[in-house]
Amino acid sequence: WLAFAVLLLLVPLLVALNVWIPAWVPPTALVLPILVGSLLLRP
């Protein structure tokens, strides 16, 4: 649950940064929590 909560909060943060500074945070930045989640979370 702890890793899930942290990664879940990271998603809206990346969305907000993409809207605010899209040149620095592209939509593909959402790959980061997805990739980390595949290593830490249950299915």
PDB file of all heavy atoms in Angstrom:
ATOM      1  N   TRP A   1       0.822  -1.213   0.000  1.00  0.00           N
ATOM      2  CA  TRP A   1       0.000   0.000   0.000  1.00  0.00           C
ATOM      3  C   TRP A   1       0.857   1.265   0.000  1.00  0.00           C
ATOM      4  O   TRP A   1       0.481   2.281  -0.608  1.00  0.00           O
ATOM      5  CB  TRP A   1      -0.942  -0.002   1.214  1.00  0.00           C
ATOM      6  CG  TRP A   1      -0.233   0.053   2.549  1.00  0.00           C
ATOM      7  CD1 TRP A   1       0.128  -1.010   3.325  1.00  0.00           C
ATOM      8  CD2 TRP A   1       0.206   1.213   3.238  1.00  0.00           C
ATOM      9  NE1 TRP A   1       0.764  -0.594   4.451  1.00  0.00           N
ATOM     10  CE2 TRP A   1       0.829   0.773   4.444  1.00  0.00           C
ATOM     11  CE3 TRP A   1       0.156   2.583   2.980  1.00  0.00           C
ATOM     12  CZ2 TRP A   1       1.380   1.655   5.365  1.00  0.00           C
ATOM     13  CZ3 TRP A   1       0.703   3.466   3.903  1.00  0.00           C
ATOM     14  CH2 TRP A   1       1.314   3.003   5.075  1.00  0.00           C
ATOM     15  N   LEU A   2       2.011   1.225   0.688  1.00  0.00           N
ATOM     16  CA  LEU A   2       2.844   2.425   0.753  1.00  0.00           C
ATOM     17  C   LEU A   2       3.395   2.787  -0.623  1.00  0.00           C
ATOM     18  O   LEU A   2       3.304   3.941  -1.067  1.00  0.00           O
ATOM     19  CB  LEU A   2       3.992   2.191   1.740  1.00  0.00           C
ATOM     20  CG  LEU A   2       4.955   3.376   1.931  1.00  0.00           C
ATOM     21  CD1 LEU A   2       4.208   4.600   2.427  1.00  0.00           C
ATOM     22  CD2 LEU A   2       6.083   3.008   2.891  1.00  0.00           C
ATOM     23  N   ALA A   3       3.957   1.802  -1.318  1.00  0.00           N
ATOM     24  CA  ALA A   3       4.467   2.064  -2.671  1.00  0.00           C
ATOM     25  C   ALA A   3       3.335   2.457  -3.608  1.00  0.00           C
ATOM     26  O   ALA A   3       3.490   3.350  -4.454  1.00  0.00           O
ATOM     27  CB  ALA A   3       5.191   0.821  -3.198  1.00  0.00           C
ATOM     28  N   PHE A   4       2.177   1.806  -3.448  1.00  0.00           N
ATOM     29  CA  PHE A   4       1.024   2.132  -4.291  1.00  0.00           C
ATOM     30  C   PHE A   4       0.562   3.567  -4.064  1.00  0.00           C
ATOM     31  O   PHE A   4       0.267   4.297  -5.026  1.00  0.00           O
ATOM     32  CB  PHE A   4      -0.109   1.155  -4.003  1.00  0.00           C
ATOM     33  CG  PHE A   4      -1.384   1.467  -4.741  1.00  0.00           C
ATOM     34  CD1 PHE A   4      -1.452   1.340  -6.117  1.00  0.00           C
ATOM     35  CD2 PHE A   4      -2.513   1.887  -4.060  1.00  0.00           C
ATOM     36  CE1 PHE A   4      -2.620   1.632  -6.805  1.00  0.00           C
ATOM     37  CE2 PHE A   4      -3.681   2.186  -4.730  1.00  0.00           C
ATOM     38  CZ  PHE A   4      -3.738   2.053  -6.104  1.00  0.00           C
ATOM     39  N   ALA A   5       0.518   3.994  -2.810  1.00  0.00           N
ATOM     40  CA  ALA A   5       0.080   5.356  -2.502  1.00  0.00           C
ATOM     41  C   ALA A   5       1.042   6.390  -3.071  1.00  0.00           C
ATOM     42  O   ALA A   5       0.619   7.406  -3.640  1.00  0.00           O
ATOM     43  CB  ALA A   5      -0.057   5.523  -0.991  1.00  0.00           C
ATOM     44  N   VAL A   6       2.350   6.133  -2.940  1.00  0.00           N
ATOM     45  CA  VAL A   6       3.340   7.083  -3.461  1.00  0.00           C
ATOM     46  C   VAL A   6       3.242   7.185  -4.978  1.00  0.00           C
ATOM     47  O   VAL A   6       3.235   8.292  -5.550  1.00  0.00           O
ATOM     48  CB  VAL A   6       4.756   6.651  -3.034  1.00  0.00           C
ATOM     49  CG1 VAL A   6       5.808   7.510  -3.730  1.00  0.00           C
ATOM     50  CG2 VAL A   6       4.907   6.763  -1.526  1.00  0.00           C
ATOM     51  N   LEU A   7       3.139   6.047  -5.656  1.00  0.00           N
ATOM     52  CA  LEU A   7       3.057   6.068  -7.117  1.00  0.00           C
ATOM     53  C   LEU A   7       1.737   6.664  -7.592  1.00  0.00           C
ATOM     54  O   LEU A   7       1.680   7.335  -8.630  1.00  0.00           O
ATOM     55  CB  LEU A   7       3.221   4.645  -7.666  1.00  0.00           C
ATOM     56  CG  LEU A   7       4.594   4.008  -7.440  1.00  0.00           C
ATOM     57  CD1 LEU A   7       4.603   2.565  -7.906  1.00  0.00           C
ATOM     58  CD2 LEU A   7       5.684   4.793  -8.150  1.00  0.00           C
ATOM     59  N   LEU A   8       0.677   6.423  -6.818  1.00  0.00           N
ATOM     60  CA  LEU A   8      -0.630   6.992  -7.180  1.00  0.00           C
ATOM     61  C   LEU A   8      -0.604   8.513  -7.095  1.00  0.00           C
ATOM     62  O   LEU A   8      -1.198   9.206  -7.932  1.00  0.00           O
ATOM     63  CB  LEU A   8      -1.701   6.416  -6.249  1.00  0.00           C
ATOM     64  CG  LEU A   8      -3.153   6.501  -6.739  1.00  0.00           C
ATOM     65  CD1 LEU A   8      -3.315   5.665  -7.997  1.00  0.00           C
ATOM     66  CD2 LEU A   8      -4.090   6.007  -5.652  1.00  0.00           C
ATOM     67  N   LEU A   9       0.084   9.054  -6.085  1.00  0.00           N
ATOM     68  CA  LEU A   9       0.197  10.510  -5.963  1.00  0.00           C
ATOM     69  C   LEU A   9       1.137  11.093  -7.013  1.00  0.00           C
ATOM     70  O   LEU A   9       1.025  12.268  -7.376  1.00  0.00           O
ATOM     71  CB  LEU A   9       0.706  10.870  -4.561  1.00  0.00           C
ATOM     72  CG  LEU A   9      -0.253  10.588  -3.406  1.00  0.00           C
ATOM     73  CD1 LEU A   9       0.424  10.873  -2.069  1.00  0.00           C
ATOM     74  CD2 LEU A   9      -1.529  11.418  -3.543  1.00  0.00           C
ATOM     75  N   LEU A  10       2.049  10.263  -7.500  1.00  0.00           N
ATOM     76  CA  LEU A  10       2.989  10.752  -8.508  1.00  0.00           C
ATOM     77  C   LEU A  10       2.303  11.003  -9.849  1.00  0.00           C
ATOM     78  O   LEU A  10       2.727  11.891 -10.607  1.00  0.00           O
ATOM     79  CB  LEU A  10       4.120   9.727  -8.680  1.00  0.00           C
ATOM     80  CG  LEU A  10       5.276  10.110  -9.608  1.00  0.00           C
ATOM     81  CD1 LEU A  10       5.950  11.393  -9.123  1.00  0.00           C
ATOM     82  CD2 LEU A  10       6.291   8.965  -9.698  1.00  0.00           C
ATOM     83  N   VAL A  11       1.237  10.258 -10.141  1.00  0.00           N
ATOM     84  CA  VAL A  11       0.551  10.413 -11.424  1.00  0.00           C
ATOM     85  C   VAL A  11      -0.051  11.817 -11.580  1.00  0.00           C
ATOM     86  O   VAL A  11       0.231  12.511 -12.567  1.00  0.00           O
ATOM     87  CB  VAL A  11      -0.511   9.306 -11.602  1.00  0.00           C
ATOM     88  CG1 VAL A  11      -1.383   9.594 -12.826  1.00  0.00           C
ATOM     89  CG2 VAL A  11       0.150   7.953 -11.738  1.00  0.00           C
ATOM     90  N   PRO A  12      -0.908  12.297 -10.638  1.00  0.00           N
ATOM     91  CA  PRO A  12      -1.430  13.665 -10.807  1.00  0.00           C
ATOM     92  C   PRO A  12      -0.338  14.734 -10.760  1.00  0.00           C
ATOM     93  O   PRO A  12      -0.479  15.783 -11.387  1.00  0.00           O
ATOM     94  CB  PRO A  12      -2.411  13.817  -9.641  1.00  0.00           C
ATOM     95  CG  PRO A  12      -2.049  12.768  -8.671  1.00  0.00           C
ATOM     96  CD  PRO A  12      -1.494  11.638  -9.472  1.00  0.00           C
ATOM     97  N   LEU A  13       0.750  14.469 -10.023  1.00  0.00           N
ATOM     98  CA  LEU A  13       1.851  15.431 -10.014  1.00  0.00           C
ATOM     99  C   LEU A  13       2.470  15.556 -11.405  1.00  0.00           C
ATOM    100  O   LEU A  13       2.737  16.677 -11.881  1.00  0.00           O
ATOM    101  CB  LEU A  13       2.897  14.990  -8.998  1.00  0.00           C
ATOM    102  CG  LEU A  13       4.174  15.848  -8.931  1.00  0.00           C
ATOM    103  CD1 LEU A  13       3.831  17.286  -8.531  1.00  0.00           C
ATOM    104  CD2 LEU A  13       5.177  15.240  -7.954  1.00  0.00           C
ATOM    105  N   LEU A  14       2.681  14.425 -12.075  1.00  0.00           N
ATOM    106  CA  LEU A  14       3.234  14.465 -13.422  1.00  0.00           C
ATOM    107  C   LEU A  14       2.262  15.109 -14.405  1.00  0.00           C
ATOM    108  O   LEU A  14       2.679  15.820 -15.335  1.00  0.00           O
ATOM    109  CB  LEU A  14       3.598  13.051 -13.881  1.00  0.00           C
ATOM    110  CG  LEU A  14       4.780  12.390 -13.157  1.00  0.00           C
ATOM    111  CD1 LEU A  14       4.950  10.945 -13.615  1.00  0.00           C
ATOM    112  CD2 LEU A  14       6.058  13.170 -13.398  1.00  0.00           C
ATOM    113  N   VAL A  15       0.965  14.876 -14.219  1.00  0.00           N
ATOM    114  CA  VAL A  15      -0.035  15.507 -15.076  1.00  0.00           C
ATOM    115  C   VAL A  15       0.005  17.020 -14.901  1.00  0.00           C
ATOM    116  O   VAL A  15      -0.019  17.787 -15.884  1.00  0.00           O
ATOM    117  CB  VAL A  15      -1.434  14.942 -14.775  1.00  0.00           C
ATOM    118  CG1 VAL A  15      -2.509  15.730 -15.521  1.00  0.00           C
ATOM    119  CG2 VAL A  15      -1.510  13.467 -15.148  1.00  0.00           C
ATOM    120  N   ALA A  16       0.069  17.482 -13.656  1.00  0.00           N
ATOM    121  CA  ALA A  16       0.113  18.924 -13.389  1.00  0.00           C
ATOM    122  C   ALA A  16       1.375  19.551 -13.973  1.00  0.00           C
ATOM    123  O   ALA A  16       1.328  20.637 -14.568  1.00  0.00           O
ATOM    124  CB  ALA A  16       0.039  19.167 -11.886  1.00  0.00           C
ATOM    125  N   LEU A  17       2.513  18.854 -13.836  1.00  0.00           N
ATOM    126  CA  LEU A  17       3.749  19.388 -14.396  1.00  0.00           C
ATOM    127  C   LEU A  17       3.710  19.408 -15.919  1.00  0.00           C
ATOM    128  O   LEU A  17       4.264  20.320 -16.553  1.00  0.00           O
ATOM    129  CB  LEU A  17       4.937  18.538 -13.916  1.00  0.00           C
ATOM    130  CG  LEU A  17       5.290  18.653 -12.419  1.00  0.00           C
ATOM    131  CD1 LEU A  17       6.391  17.661 -12.056  1.00  0.00           C
ATOM    132  CD2 LEU A  17       5.718  20.073 -12.077  1.00  0.00           C
ATOM    133  N   ASN A  18       3.046  18.417 -16.519  1.00  0.00           N
ATOM    134  CA  ASN A  18       2.916  18.410 -17.971  1.00  0.00           C
ATOM    135  C   ASN A  18       2.079  19.588 -18.469  1.00  0.00           C
ATOM    136  O   ASN A  18       2.387  20.176 -19.511  1.00  0.00           O
ATOM    137  CB  ASN A  18       2.295  17.091 -18.427  1.00  0.00           C
ATOM    138  CG  ASN A  18       1.980  17.080 -19.901  1.00  0.00           C
ATOM    139  OD1 ASN A  18       0.828  17.283 -20.306  1.00  0.00           O
ATOM    140  ND2 ASN A  18       3.001  16.857 -20.723  1.00  0.00           N
ATOM    141  N   VAL A  19       1.048  19.938 -17.717  1.00  0.00           N
ATOM    142  CA  VAL A  19       0.219  21.077 -18.103  1.00  0.00           C
ATOM    143  C   VAL A  19       0.963  22.384 -17.866  1.00  0.00           C
ATOM    144  O   VAL A  19       0.871  23.332 -18.659  1.00  0.00           O
ATOM    145  CB  VAL A  19      -1.104  21.047 -17.311  1.00  0.00           C
ATOM    146  CG1 VAL A  19      -1.934  22.311 -17.578  1.00  0.00           C
ATOM    147  CG2 VAL A  19      -1.913  19.804 -17.679  1.00  0.00           C
ATOM    148  N   TRP A  20       1.758  22.424 -16.801  1.00  0.00           N
ATOM    149  CA  TRP A  20       2.443  23.668 -16.428  1.00  0.00           C
ATOM    150  C   TRP A  20       3.700  23.899 -17.266  1.00  0.00           C
ATOM    151  O   TRP A  20       3.901  24.965 -17.846  1.00  0.00           O
ATOM    152  CB  TRP A  20       2.788  23.619 -14.937  1.00  0.00           C
ATOM    153  CG  TRP A  20       3.461  24.860 -14.416  1.00  0.00           C
ATOM    154  CD1 TRP A  20       3.255  26.152 -14.828  1.00  0.00           C
ATOM    155  CD2 TRP A  20       4.458  24.907 -13.390  1.00  0.00           C
ATOM    156  NE1 TRP A  20       4.040  27.011 -14.131  1.00  0.00           N
ATOM    157  CE2 TRP A  20       4.801  26.272 -13.227  1.00  0.00           C
ATOM    158  CE3 TRP A  20       5.067  23.956 -12.584  1.00  0.00           C
ATOM    159  CZ2 TRP A  20       5.751  26.691 -12.290  1.00  0.00           C
ATOM    160  CZ3 TRP A  20       5.994  24.374 -11.664  1.00  0.00           C
ATOM    161  CH2 TRP A  20       6.336  25.730 -11.515  1.00  0.00           C
ATOM    162  N   ILE A  21       4.559  22.876 -17.343  1.00  0.00           N
ATOM    163  CA  ILE A  21       5.802  23.009 -18.115  1.00  0.00           C
ATOM    164  C   ILE A  21       5.898  21.816 -19.079  1.00  0.00           C
ATOM    165  O   ILE A  21       6.711  20.900 -18.880  1.00  0.00           O
ATOM    166  CB  ILE A  21       7.040  23.072 -17.200  1.00  0.00           C
ATOM    167  CG1 ILE A  21       6.965  22.007 -16.078  1.00  0.00           C
ATOM    168  CG2 ILE A  21       7.212  24.454 -16.611  1.00  0.00           C
ATOM    169  CD1 ILE A  21       8.218  21.945 -15.214  1.00  0.00           C
ATOM    170  N   PRO A  22       5.093  21.794 -20.122  1.00  0.00           N
ATOM    171  CA  PRO A  22       5.057  20.631 -21.027  1.00  0.00           C
ATOM    172  C   PRO A  22       6.359  20.394 -21.771  1.00  0.00           C
ATOM    173  O   PRO A  22       6.632  19.269 -22.202  1.00  0.00           O
ATOM    174  CB  PRO A  22       3.922  20.985 -21.998  1.00  0.00           C
ATOM    175  CG  PRO A  22       3.820  22.474 -21.958  1.00  0.00           C
ATOM    176  CD  PRO A  22       4.170  22.860 -20.547  1.00  0.00           C
ATOM    177  N   ALA A  23       7.181  21.439 -21.915  1.00  0.00           N
ATOM    178  CA  ALA A  23       8.447  21.247 -22.612  1.00  0.00           C
ATOM    179  C   ALA A  23       9.409  20.376 -21.809  1.00  0.00           C
ATOM    180  O   ALA A  23      10.280  19.715 -22.377  1.00  0.00           O
ATOM    181  CB  ALA A  23       9.080  22.602 -22.916  1.00  0.00           C
ATOM    182  N   TRP A  24       9.270  20.379 -20.484  1.00  0.00           N
ATOM    183  CA  TRP A  24      10.165  19.624 -19.607  1.00  0.00           C
ATOM    184  C   TRP A  24       9.551  18.299 -19.144  1.00  0.00           C
ATOM    185  O   TRP A  24      10.284  17.359 -18.821  1.00  0.00           O
ATOM    186  CB  TRP A  24      10.541  20.462 -18.381  1.00  0.00           C
ATOM    187  CG  TRP A  24      11.433  21.610 -18.719  1.00  0.00           C
ATOM    188  CD1 TRP A  24      11.060  22.892 -19.006  1.00  0.00           C
ATOM    189  CD2 TRP A  24      12.852  21.573 -18.842  1.00  0.00           C
ATOM    190  NE1 TRP A  24      12.144  23.663 -19.292  1.00  0.00           N
ATOM    191  CE2 TRP A  24      13.284  22.880 -19.198  1.00  0.00           C
ATOM    192  CE3 TRP A  24      13.815  20.580 -18.691  1.00  0.00           C
ATOM    193  CZ2 TRP A  24      14.606  23.209 -19.399  1.00  0.00           C
ATOM    194  CZ3 TRP A  24      15.142  20.902 -18.889  1.00  0.00           C
ATOM    195  CH2 TRP A  24      15.532  22.204 -19.241  1.00  0.00           C
ATOM    196  N   VAL A  25       8.249  18.224 -19.076  1.00  0.00           N
ATOM    197  CA  VAL A  25       7.572  16.999 -18.613  1.00  0.00           C
ATOM    198  C   VAL A  25       6.601  16.545 -19.697  1.00  0.00           C
ATOM    199  O   VAL A  25       5.439  16.971 -19.722  1.00  0.00           O
ATOM    200  CB  VAL A  25       6.832  17.225 -17.277  1.00  0.00           C
ATOM    201  CG1 VAL A  25       6.253  15.912 -16.764  1.00  0.00           C
ATOM    202  CG2 VAL A  25       7.765  17.829 -16.243  1.00  0.00           C
ATOM    203  N   PRO A  26       7.043  15.695 -20.617  1.00  0.00           N
ATOM    204  CA  PRO A  26       6.157  15.236 -21.698  1.00  0.00           C
ATOM    205  C   PRO A  26       5.144  14.214 -21.185  1.00  0.00           C
ATOM    206  O   PRO A  26       5.265  13.695 -20.064  1.00  0.00           O
ATOM    207  CB  PRO A  26       7.146  14.598 -22.680  1.00  0.00           C
ATOM    208  CG  PRO A  26       8.266  14.127 -21.828  1.00  0.00           C
ATOM    209  CD  PRO A  26       8.392  15.142 -20.723  1.00  0.00           C
ATOM    210  N   PRO A  27       4.138  13.866 -21.992  1.00  0.00           N
ATOM    211  CA  PRO A  27       3.160  12.846 -21.567  1.00  0.00           C
ATOM    212  C   PRO A  27       3.794  11.483 -21.267  1.00  0.00           C
ATOM    213  O   PRO A  27       3.302  10.727 -20.425  1.00  0.00           O
ATOM    214  CB  PRO A  27       2.211  12.769 -22.763  1.00  0.00           C
ATOM    215  CG  PRO A  27       2.341  14.087 -23.452  1.00  0.00           C
ATOM    216  CD  PRO A  27       3.773  14.500 -23.257  1.00  0.00           C
ATOM    217  N   THR A  28       4.898  11.184 -21.965  1.00  0.00           N
ATOM    218  CA  THR A  28       5.553   9.880 -21.725  1.00  0.00           C
ATOM    219  C   THR A  28       6.202   9.796 -20.347  1.00  0.00           C
ATOM    220  O   THR A  28       6.692   8.724 -19.964  1.00  0.00           O
ATOM    221  CB  THR A  28       6.627   9.629 -22.803  1.00  0.00           C
ATOM    222  OG1 THR A  28       7.488  10.772 -22.900  1.00  0.00           O
ATOM    223  CG2 THR A  28       5.986   9.369 -24.156  1.00  0.00           C
ATOM    224  N   ALA A  29       6.225  10.892 -19.574  1.00  0.00           N
ATOM    225  CA  ALA A  29       6.765  10.828 -18.212  1.00  0.00           C
ATOM    226  C   ALA A  29       5.953   9.894 -17.331  1.00  0.00           C
ATOM    227  O   ALA A  29       6.438   9.417 -16.299  1.00  0.00           O
ATOM    228  CB  ALA A  29       6.805  12.226 -17.599  1.00  0.00           C
ATOM    229  N   LEU A  30       4.705   9.604 -17.734  1.00  0.00           N
ATOM    230  CA  LEU A  30       3.879   8.661 -16.967  1.00  0.00           C
ATOM    231  C   LEU A  30       4.444   7.237 -17.011  1.00  0.00           C
ATOM    232  O   LEU A  30       3.997   6.369 -16.258  1.00  0.00           O
ATOM    233  CB  LEU A  30       2.442   8.674 -17.509  1.00  0.00           C
ATOM    234  CG  LEU A  30       1.631   9.927 -17.185  1.00  0.00           C
ATOM    235  CD1 LEU A  30       0.307   9.904 -17.916  1.00  0.00           C
ATOM    236  CD2 LEU A  30       1.404  10.037 -15.685  1.00  0.00           C
ATOM    237  N   VAL A  31       5.417   7.020 -17.897  1.00  0.00           N
ATOM    238  CA  VAL A  31       6.081   5.712 -17.928  1.00  0.00           C
ATOM    239  C   VAL A  31       6.811   5.446 -16.613  1.00  0.00           C
ATOM    240  O   VAL A  31       6.929   4.293 -16.181  1.00  0.00           O
ATOM    241  CB  VAL A  31       7.058   5.660 -19.121  1.00  0.00           C
ATOM    242  CG1 VAL A  31       8.030   4.506 -18.985  1.00  0.00           C
ATOM    243  CG2 VAL A  31       6.286   5.541 -20.419  1.00  0.00           C
ATOM    244  N   LEU A  32       7.294   6.506 -15.953  1.00  0.00           N
ATOM    245  CA  LEU A  32       8.090   6.322 -14.729  1.00  0.00           C
ATOM    246  C   LEU A  32       7.311   5.607 -13.627  1.00  0.00           C
ATOM    247  O   LEU A  32       7.773   4.579 -13.124  1.00  0.00           O
ATOM    248  CB  LEU A  32       8.608   7.673 -14.251  1.00  0.00           C
ATOM    249  CG  LEU A  32       9.576   8.392 -15.221  1.00  0.00           C
ATOM    250  CD1 LEU A  32       9.947   9.764 -14.670  1.00  0.00           C
ATOM    251  CD2 LEU A  32      10.815   7.544 -15.430  1.00  0.00           C
ATOM    252  N   PRO A  33       6.135   6.097 -13.189  1.00  0.00           N
ATOM    253  CA  PRO A  33       5.409   5.337 -12.156  1.00  0.00           C
ATOM    254  C   PRO A  33       4.954   3.969 -12.636  1.00  0.00           C
ATOM    255  O   PRO A  33       4.879   3.021 -11.850  1.00  0.00           O
ATOM    256  CB  PRO A  33       4.220   6.245 -11.822  1.00  0.00           C
ATOM    257  CG  PRO A  33       4.053   7.127 -12.999  1.00  0.00           C
ATOM    258  CD  PRO A  33       5.427   7.343 -13.540  1.00  0.00           C
ATOM    259  N   ILE A  34       4.665   3.846 -13.942  1.00  0.00           N
ATOM    260  CA  ILE A  34       4.248   2.541 -14.466  1.00  0.00           C
ATOM    261  C   ILE A  34       5.396   1.542 -14.390  1.00  0.00           C
ATOM    262  O   ILE A  34       5.224   0.392 -13.976  1.00  0.00           O
ATOM    263  CB  ILE A  34       3.749   2.699 -15.918  1.00  0.00           C
ATOM    264  CG1 ILE A  34       2.419   3.456 -15.933  1.00  0.00           C
ATOM    265  CG2 ILE A  34       3.588   1.344 -16.583  1.00  0.00           C
ATOM    266  CD1 ILE A  34       1.909   3.760 -17.323  1.00  0.00           C
ATOM    267  N   LEU A  35       6.596   1.994 -14.758  1.00  0.00           N
ATOM    268  CA  LEU A  35       7.758   1.104 -14.740  1.00  0.00           C
ATOM    269  C   LEU A  35       8.127   0.705 -13.314  1.00  0.00           C
ATOM    270  O   LEU A  35       8.380  -0.472 -13.027  1.00  0.00           O
ATOM    271  CB  LEU A  35       8.930   1.796 -15.417  1.00  0.00           C
ATOM    272  CG  LEU A  35      10.222   0.986 -15.553  1.00  0.00           C
ATOM    273  CD1 LEU A  35       9.982  -0.256 -16.382  1.00  0.00           C
ATOM    274  CD2 LEU A  35      11.329   1.825 -16.173  1.00  0.00           C
ATOM    275  N   VAL A  36       8.143   1.674 -12.404  1.00  0.00           N
ATOM    276  CA  VAL A  36       8.455   1.371 -11.003  1.00  0.00           C
ATOM    277  C   VAL A  36       7.380   0.475 -10.403  1.00  0.00           C
ATOM    278  O   VAL A  36       7.669  -0.462  -9.647  1.00  0.00           O
ATOM    279  CB  VAL A  36       8.609   2.668 -10.198  1.00  0.00           C
ATOM    280  CG1 VAL A  36       8.815   2.358  -8.723  1.00  0.00           C
ATOM    281  CG2 VAL A  36       9.768   3.492 -10.728  1.00  0.00           C
ATOM    282  N   GLY A  37       6.122   0.738 -10.749  1.00  0.00           N
ATOM    283  CA  GLY A  37       5.028  -0.088 -10.229  1.00  0.00           C
ATOM    284  C   GLY A  37       5.115  -1.527 -10.678  1.00  0.00           C
ATOM    285  O   GLY A  37       4.775  -2.453  -9.920  1.00  0.00           O
ATOM    286  N   SER A  38       5.600  -1.770 -11.903  1.00  0.00           N
ATOM    287  CA  SER A  38       5.725  -3.150 -12.378  1.00  0.00           C
ATOM    288  C   SER A  38       6.753  -3.931 -11.583  1.00  0.00           C
ATOM    289  O   SER A  38       6.715  -5.156 -11.541  1.00  0.00           O
ATOM    290  CB  SER A  38       6.108  -3.144 -13.859  1.00  0.00           C
ATOM    291  OG  SER A  38       7.403  -2.596 -14.033  1.00  0.00           O
ATOM    292  N   LEU A  39       7.679  -3.229 -10.928  1.00  0.00           N
ATOM    293  CA  LEU A  39       8.700  -3.882 -10.115  1.00  0.00           C
ATOM    294  C   LEU A  39       8.311  -4.000  -8.651  1.00  0.00           C
ATOM    295  O   LEU A  39       8.832  -4.861  -7.939  1.00  0.00           O
ATOM    296  CB  LEU A  39      10.026  -3.110 -10.216  1.00  0.00           C
ATOM    297  CG  LEU A  39      10.633  -2.984 -11.615  1.00  0.00           C
ATOM    298  CD1 LEU A  39      11.868  -2.098 -11.575  1.00  0.00           C
ATOM    299  CD2 LEU A  39      10.982  -4.342 -12.180  1.00  0.00           C
ATOM    300  N   LEU A  40       7.400  -3.131  -8.180  1.00  0.00           N
ATOM    301  CA  LEU A  40       7.102  -3.077  -6.749  1.00  0.00           C
ATOM    302  C   LEU A  40       5.709  -3.551  -6.377  1.00  0.00           C
ATOM    303  O   LEU A  40       5.488  -3.946  -5.234  1.00  0.00           O
ATOM    304  CB  LEU A  40       7.275  -1.638  -6.237  1.00  0.00           C
ATOM    305  CG  LEU A  40       8.663  -1.010  -6.359  1.00  0.00           C
ATOM    306  CD1 LEU A  40       8.637   0.391  -5.769  1.00  0.00           C
ATOM    307  CD2 LEU A  40       9.707  -1.850  -5.664  1.00  0.00           C
ATOM    308  N   LEU A  41       4.755  -3.502  -7.296  1.00  0.00           N
ATOM    309  CA  LEU A  41       3.358  -3.742  -6.939  1.00  0.00           C
ATOM    310  C   LEU A  41       2.882  -5.116  -7.364  1.00  0.00           C
ATOM    311  O   LEU A  41       3.408  -5.718  -8.306  1.00  0.00           O
ATOM    312  CB  LEU A  41       2.472  -2.675  -7.583  1.00  0.00           C
ATOM    313  CG  LEU A  41       2.780  -1.216  -7.239  1.00  0.00           C
ATOM    314  CD1 LEU A  41       1.808  -0.302  -7.959  1.00  0.00           C
ATOM    315  CD2 LEU A  41       2.746  -0.984  -5.739  1.00  0.00           C
ATOM    316  N   ARG A  42       1.855  -5.569  -6.678  1.00  0.00           N
ATOM    317  CA  ARG A  42       1.158  -6.769  -7.095  1.00  0.00           C
ATOM    318  C   ARG A  42       0.288  -6.455  -8.313  1.00  0.00           C
ATOM    319  O   ARG A  42      -0.034  -5.302  -8.574  1.00  0.00           O
ATOM    320  CB  ARG A  42       0.299  -7.291  -5.955  1.00  0.00           C
ATOM    321  CG  ARG A  42       1.085  -7.786  -4.746  1.00  0.00           C
ATOM    322  CD  ARG A  42       0.151  -8.428  -3.731  1.00  0.00           C
ATOM    323  NE  ARG A  42       0.880  -9.002  -2.617  1.00  0.00           N
ATOM    324  CZ  ARG A  42       1.097  -8.401  -1.472  1.00  0.00           C
ATOM    325  NH1 ARG A  42       0.643  -7.159  -1.292  1.00  0.00           N
ATOM    326  NH2 ARG A  42       1.760  -8.985  -0.501  1.00  0.00           N
ATOM    327  N   PRO A  43      -0.108  -7.495  -9.060  1.00  0.00           N
ATOM    328  CA  PRO A  43      -0.898  -7.239 -10.277  1.00  0.00           C
ATOM    329  C   PRO A  43      -2.162  -6.424 -10.029  1.00  0.00           C
ATOM    330  O   PRO A  43      -2.510  -5.560 -10.834  1.00  0.00           O
ATOM    331  CB  PRO A  43      -1.221  -8.648 -10.783  1.00  0.00           C
ATOM    332  CG  PRO A  43      -0.090  -9.486 -10.300  1.00  0.00           C
ATOM    333  CD  PRO A  43       0.277  -8.919  -8.963  1.00  0.00           C
TER     334      PRO A  43
END
